Amino acid sequence: MVFEGDVDIVVLPGSAGEMGILPHHAPLLTTLNYGVIKVRTRGHEEVFTVAGGVAEVQPDIVTVLADAAENVAEIDISRAETARKRAEEILSKGVPPDTDTYLAVEAALRRSNLRLDAVRRYRKTTARPTTRTEE
């Protein structure tokens, strides 16, 4: 479990496109693409990567069963970069003879790229404030 609690809105990467789920939403079931789930509560937003899965929406609860999910704030950048490089190296040598191996390496590359992209887009950085001086 990566998140549980009351929220104002959940934004999901559904197979038919990004969808926002508000309280009392009509029931639905959707598959999830690789992407980002955003959970907003009283102006605070948490962001999670999700590598496929399904979401069930009921009027008062959203349940996500994901193949893999991770809070963007907790992503280990060096681990994700290492996994990406390892997958790229394996794929650059040619298609592995075992189709299952190829699919696993391709999925690992997609997850690594997703995680790194999510960190770049959503992780709060501690940038120094810039100062302007007038001349």
Protein backbone atom coordinates (compact mmCIF):
# COMPACT_ATOMS: atom_id res chain seq x y z
CA MET A 1 0.00 0.00 0.00
CA VAL A 2 1.44 3.37 -1.00
CA PHE A 3 -1.45 5.66 0.01
CA GLU A 4 -4.64 5.59 2.02
CA GLY A 5 -6.73 8.56 3.10
CA ASP A 6 -9.44 11.08 2.28
CA VAL A 7 -8.71 13.23 -0.76
CA ASP A 8 -10.28 16.00 -2.82
CA ILE A 9 -9.36 14.54 -6.23
CA VAL A 10 -7.44 11.64 -7.72
CA VAL A 11 -6.01 11.98 -11.23
CA LEU A 12 -5.38 8.63 -12.94
CA PRO A 13 -3.58 7.67 -16.18
CA GLY A 14 -6.47 5.57 -17.51
CA SER A 15 -6.21 3.55 -20.70
CA ALA A 16 -8.64 6.00 -22.37
CA GLY A 17 -6.64 9.02 -21.15
CA GLU A 18 -6.04 10.99 -17.99
CA MET A 19 -9.11 11.18 -15.77
CA GLY A 20 -9.94 13.18 -12.66
CA ILE A 21 -12.00 11.44 -9.99
CA LEU A 22 -13.93 13.64 -7.56
CA PRO A 23 -15.96 12.49 -4.54
CA HIS A 24 -19.29 10.83 -5.48
CA HIS A 25 -17.99 9.92 -8.94
CA ALA A 26 -20.01 7.37 -10.89
CA PRO A 27 -18.67 3.83 -10.52
CA LEU A 28 -16.20 2.69 -13.15
CA LEU A 29 -13.43 0.20 -13.75
CA THR A 30 -10.43 1.08 -15.90
CA THR A 31 -7.04 -0.29 -16.79
CA LEU A 32 -4.11 2.01 -16.11
CA ASN A 33 -1.29 2.98 -18.41
CA TYR A 34 2.24 3.66 -17.26
CA GLY A 35 2.02 7.14 -15.85
CA VAL A 36 1.48 9.34 -12.85
CA ILE A 37 -1.27 9.31 -10.24
CA LYS A 38 -1.87 12.65 -8.53
CA VAL A 39 -3.66 12.78 -5.18
CA ARG A 40 -4.75 16.22 -3.94
CA THR A 41 -5.96 17.03 -0.45
CA ARG A 42 -6.61 20.58 0.77
CA GLY A 43 -4.07 22.13 -1.59
CA HIS A 44 -1.39 19.48 -0.96
CA GLU A 45 -0.51 17.15 -3.83
CA GLU A 46 1.22 13.76 -3.68
CA VAL A 47 2.44 12.17 -6.89
CA PHE A 48 3.01 8.46 -7.55
CA THR A 49 4.35 6.61 -10.56
CA VAL A 50 2.30 3.63 -11.63
CA ALA A 51 3.35 0.90 -14.04
CA GLY A 52 0.03 -0.40 -15.25
CA GLY A 53 -2.75 -1.99 -13.28
CA VAL A 54 -6.44 -1.36 -12.74
CA ALA A 55 -8.52 1.20 -10.85
CA GLU A 56 -11.99 0.70 -9.45
CA VAL A 57 -13.97 3.84 -8.69
CA GLN A 58 -16.93 3.81 -6.33
CA PRO A 59 -18.74 6.95 -5.13
CA ASP A 60 -16.71 7.11 -1.91
CA ILE A 61 -13.54 5.11 -2.61
CA VAL A 62 -10.93 4.69 -5.33
CA THR A 63 -8.96 1.45 -5.28
CA VAL A 64 -5.86 1.09 -7.43
CA LEU A 65 -4.20 -2.26 -7.96
CA ALA A 66 -0.92 -1.54 -9.69
CA ASP A 67 1.80 -3.75 -11.09
CA ALA A 68 4.26 -1.27 -9.52
CA ALA A 69 3.75 2.06 -7.77
CA GLU A 70 6.05 4.47 -5.98
CA ASN A 71 5.79 7.87 -4.37
CA VAL A 72 7.84 10.30 -6.49
CA ALA A 73 9.30 11.82 -3.32
CA GLU A 74 10.81 8.42 -2.45
CA ILE A 75 12.35 7.52 -5.81
CA ASP A 76 16.05 6.70 -5.63
CA ILE A 77 17.40 8.54 -8.68
CA SER A 78 20.72 6.70 -8.85
CA ARG A 79 18.96 3.32 -8.66
CA ALA A 80 16.56 4.33 -11.45
CA GLU A 81 19.43 5.58 -13.63
CA THR A 82 21.38 2.36 -13.03
CA ALA A 83 18.33 0.26 -13.96
CA ARG A 84 17.80 2.32 -17.12
CA LYS A 85 21.44 1.95 -18.20
CA ARG A 86 21.40 -1.79 -17.51
CA ALA A 87 18.22 -2.28 -19.56
CA GLU A 88 19.56 -0.13 -22.42
CA GLU A 89 22.79 -2.14 -22.50
CA ILE A 90 20.91 -5.45 -22.67
CA LEU A 91 18.65 -4.17 -25.46
CA SER A 92 21.57 -2.66 -27.41
CA LYS A 93 23.15 -6.13 -27.67
CA GLY A 94 20.17 -7.28 -29.67
CA VAL A 95 16.90 -8.95 -28.86
CA PRO A 96 17.42 -11.64 -26.21
CA PRO A 97 16.45 -15.06 -27.56
CA ASP A 98 13.82 -15.50 -24.85
CA THR A 99 10.75 -13.33 -25.54
CA ASP A 100 9.87 -13.21 -21.83
CA THR A 101 13.33 -11.85 -21.05
CA TYR A 102 12.98 -9.21 -23.76
CA LEU A 103 9.57 -8.14 -22.43
CA ALA A 104 10.91 -7.97 -18.86
CA VAL A 105 13.89 -5.83 -19.90
CA GLU A 106 11.66 -3.57 -22.01
CA ALA A 107 9.27 -3.13 -19.03
CA ALA A 108 12.21 -2.35 -16.74
CA LEU A 109 13.36 0.34 -19.18
CA ARG A 110 9.86 1.86 -19.35
CA ARG A 111 9.60 1.91 -15.53
CA SER A 112 13.03 3.52 -15.15
CA ASN A 113 12.24 6.19 -17.73
CA LEU A 114 8.87 6.85 -16.08
CA ARG A 115 10.46 7.19 -12.63
CA LEU A 116 13.19 9.56 -13.86
CA ASP A 117 10.72 11.67 -15.84
CA ALA A 118 8.40 11.92 -12.82
CA VAL A 119 11.27 13.07 -10.60
CA ARG A 120 12.19 15.79 -13.12
CA ARG A 121 8.60 16.96 -13.49
CA TYR A 122 7.15 16.67 -9.99
CA ARG A 123 9.79 16.47 -7.29
CA LYS A 124 10.19 19.71 -5.42
CA THR A 125 13.73 20.97 -5.69
CA THR A 126 15.48 23.15 -3.22
CA ALA A 127 16.58 25.78 -5.65
CA ARG A 128 18.32 28.84 -4.35
CA PRO A 129 16.28 32.01 -4.58
CA THR A 130 17.53 34.29 -7.30
CA THR A 131 18.24 37.90 -6.56
CA ARG A 132 18.20 40.71 -9.04
CA THR A 133 20.29 43.76 -8.69
CA GLU A 134 19.56 46.92 -10.54
CA GLU A 135 22.45 48.64 -12.19
